[in-house]
Amino acid sequence: MAAQVLHGSGNVTYTNSTGQNVRVVINYLEVNTASTISVTANNSTWSIQLPRLTTYGKSLGYRQSGSDPITAGQNAWYDGGSGINVAGLPLEFALDNGGTFAINGTQANYPNQYNMIIIPEAG
């Protein structure tokens, strides 16, 4: 099975029915209004409070004026000057066969936009 791209807006749910493990890579996640995002995978849940005007993802490149961005390794985000401390969220993880992955926000229709890739272990 080829890799699958998930993109759109609002909450997202994916159930692995490939018959093998897959790798999930969150390339882009954006919120315009402060929201708590919960990522659930393999019966584990990670939650993070994302302040307004936040972009989050693997290997982001961006330009921003005004306040300084927060940068951590390959992952960068801007907190809109809100001063909220942003904790970690996995941007790449394995999902077993039959496992479900979901990102849900506390605000209606959030996250605003997302782009992820699902890569089967057999390529």
Protein backbone atom coordinates (compact mmCIF):
# COMPACT_ATOMS: atom_id res chain seq x y z
CA MET A 1 0.00 0.00 0.00
CA ALA A 2 1.24 3.47 -0.86
CA ALA A 3 1.54 6.28 1.66
CA GLN A 4 -1.64 8.19 2.41
CA VAL A 5 -1.89 11.95 2.87
CA LEU A 6 -4.44 13.41 5.28
CA HIS A 7 -5.20 17.09 4.84
CA GLY A 8 -8.07 19.42 5.58
CA SER A 9 -9.51 21.35 8.49
CA GLY A 10 -11.34 20.45 11.68
CA ASN A 11 -10.78 17.37 13.79
CA VAL A 12 -9.17 14.35 12.14
CA THR A 13 -9.44 10.61 12.82
CA TYR A 14 -7.59 7.75 11.10
CA THR A 15 -7.90 4.00 11.74
CA ASN A 16 -5.05 1.83 10.54
CA SER A 17 -6.53 -0.99 8.46
CA THR A 18 -3.42 -1.71 6.38
CA GLY A 19 -2.61 -5.03 8.07
CA GLN A 20 0.76 -3.65 9.18
CA ASN A 21 2.25 -0.94 11.36
CA VAL A 22 2.31 2.59 9.96
CA ARG A 23 4.31 5.72 10.69
CA VAL A 24 2.30 8.91 11.22
CA VAL A 25 4.08 12.20 10.51
CA ILE A 26 2.40 15.50 11.42
CA ASN A 27 3.79 17.95 8.87
CA TYR A 28 1.51 20.88 9.61
CA LEU A 29 -1.08 21.77 12.24
CA GLU A 30 -2.55 25.28 12.58
CA VAL A 31 -4.93 26.92 15.01
CA ASN A 32 -6.16 30.53 14.83
CA THR A 33 -7.98 30.46 18.19
CA ALA A 34 -6.51 29.09 21.41
CA SER A 35 -7.41 25.43 21.73
CA THR A 36 -6.35 22.30 23.54
CA ILE A 37 -5.36 19.67 21.01
CA SER A 38 -5.44 16.01 22.01
CA VAL A 39 -3.59 13.38 20.01
CA THR A 40 -4.67 9.82 20.72
CA ALA A 41 -2.76 6.84 19.34
CA ASN A 42 -2.20 3.28 20.55
CA ASN A 43 -4.37 3.88 23.63
CA SER A 44 -2.19 6.82 24.71
CA THR A 45 -3.26 10.45 24.70
CA TRP A 46 -1.05 13.53 24.55
CA SER A 47 -2.63 16.92 25.10
CA ILE A 48 -1.19 20.32 24.46
CA GLN A 49 -2.63 23.79 24.88
CA LEU A 50 -1.97 25.64 21.66
CA PRO A 51 -2.37 29.40 21.91
CA ARG A 52 -3.99 31.42 19.15
CA LEU A 53 -2.10 31.83 15.87
CA THR A 54 -0.05 28.68 16.39
CA THR A 55 1.55 26.59 13.69
CA TYR A 56 3.06 23.27 14.67
CA GLY A 57 4.72 20.55 12.60
CA LYS A 58 7.82 18.78 11.42
CA SER A 59 10.52 20.85 9.71
CA LEU A 60 8.50 24.07 9.52
CA GLY A 61 9.96 27.07 7.78
CA TYR A 62 8.23 30.41 8.25
CA ARG A 63 8.51 34.17 8.34
CA GLN A 64 6.90 36.21 11.07
CA SER A 65 7.05 39.81 12.17
CA GLY A 66 6.47 41.20 15.65
CA SER A 67 7.22 38.92 18.60
CA ASP A 68 10.04 36.41 18.54
CA PRO A 69 9.12 32.86 17.57
CA ILE A 70 9.75 29.92 19.86
CA THR A 71 12.06 27.37 18.28
CA ALA A 72 12.91 23.84 19.40
CA GLY A 73 15.03 21.61 17.17
CA GLN A 74 13.28 20.99 13.86
CA ASN A 75 9.95 22.14 15.24
CA ALA A 76 8.93 25.77 15.42
CA TRP A 77 5.80 27.63 16.38
CA TYR A 78 4.65 31.15 17.18
CA ASP A 79 2.49 31.75 20.23
CA GLY A 80 0.91 35.03 19.07
CA GLY A 81 2.62 36.90 21.91
CA SER A 82 0.29 35.30 24.46
CA GLY A 83 3.16 34.15 26.67
CA ILE A 84 1.69 30.67 27.10
CA ASN A 85 4.33 28.01 27.66
CA VAL A 86 4.02 25.41 24.93
CA ALA A 87 4.78 21.79 25.86
CA GLY A 88 5.82 18.96 23.55
CA LEU A 89 3.64 16.89 21.26
CA PRO A 90 4.93 13.97 19.16
CA LEU A 91 5.19 14.88 15.49
CA GLU A 92 6.07 11.36 14.35
CA PHE A 93 5.03 8.05 15.88
CA ALA A 94 4.18 4.44 15.02
CA LEU A 95 0.61 3.16 14.93
CA ASP A 96 -0.14 -0.55 15.15
CA ASN A 97 -2.59 -2.37 12.87
CA GLY A 98 -6.14 -1.65 14.02
CA GLY A 99 -4.95 1.36 16.03
CA THR A 100 -6.74 4.68 15.81
CA PHE A 101 -5.17 8.09 15.61
CA ALA A 102 -7.12 11.30 16.25
CA ILE A 103 -6.48 14.99 16.72
CA ASN A 104 -9.32 16.84 18.38
CA GLY A 105 -9.48 20.49 19.37
CA THR A 106 -11.58 22.10 22.10
CA GLN A 107 -12.89 24.81 19.76
CA ALA A 108 -15.38 24.09 16.97
CA ASN A 109 -13.66 23.23 13.67
CA TYR A 110 -10.15 23.33 15.14
CA PRO A 111 -7.44 22.61 14.19
CA ASN A 112 -7.91 25.07 11.33
CA GLN A 113 -5.68 23.17 8.92
CA TYR A 114 -3.61 20.01 9.00
CA ASN A 115 -1.38 17.96 6.72
CA MET A 116 -0.11 14.52 7.72
CA ILE A 117 1.30 11.49 5.98
CA ILE A 118 0.65 7.85 6.88
CA ILE A 119 3.52 5.58 5.77
CA PRO A 120 3.10 1.76 5.91
CA GLU A 121 6.12 -0.11 7.29
CA ALA A 122 6.41 -2.11 4.06
CA GLY A 123 6.74 1.16 2.16
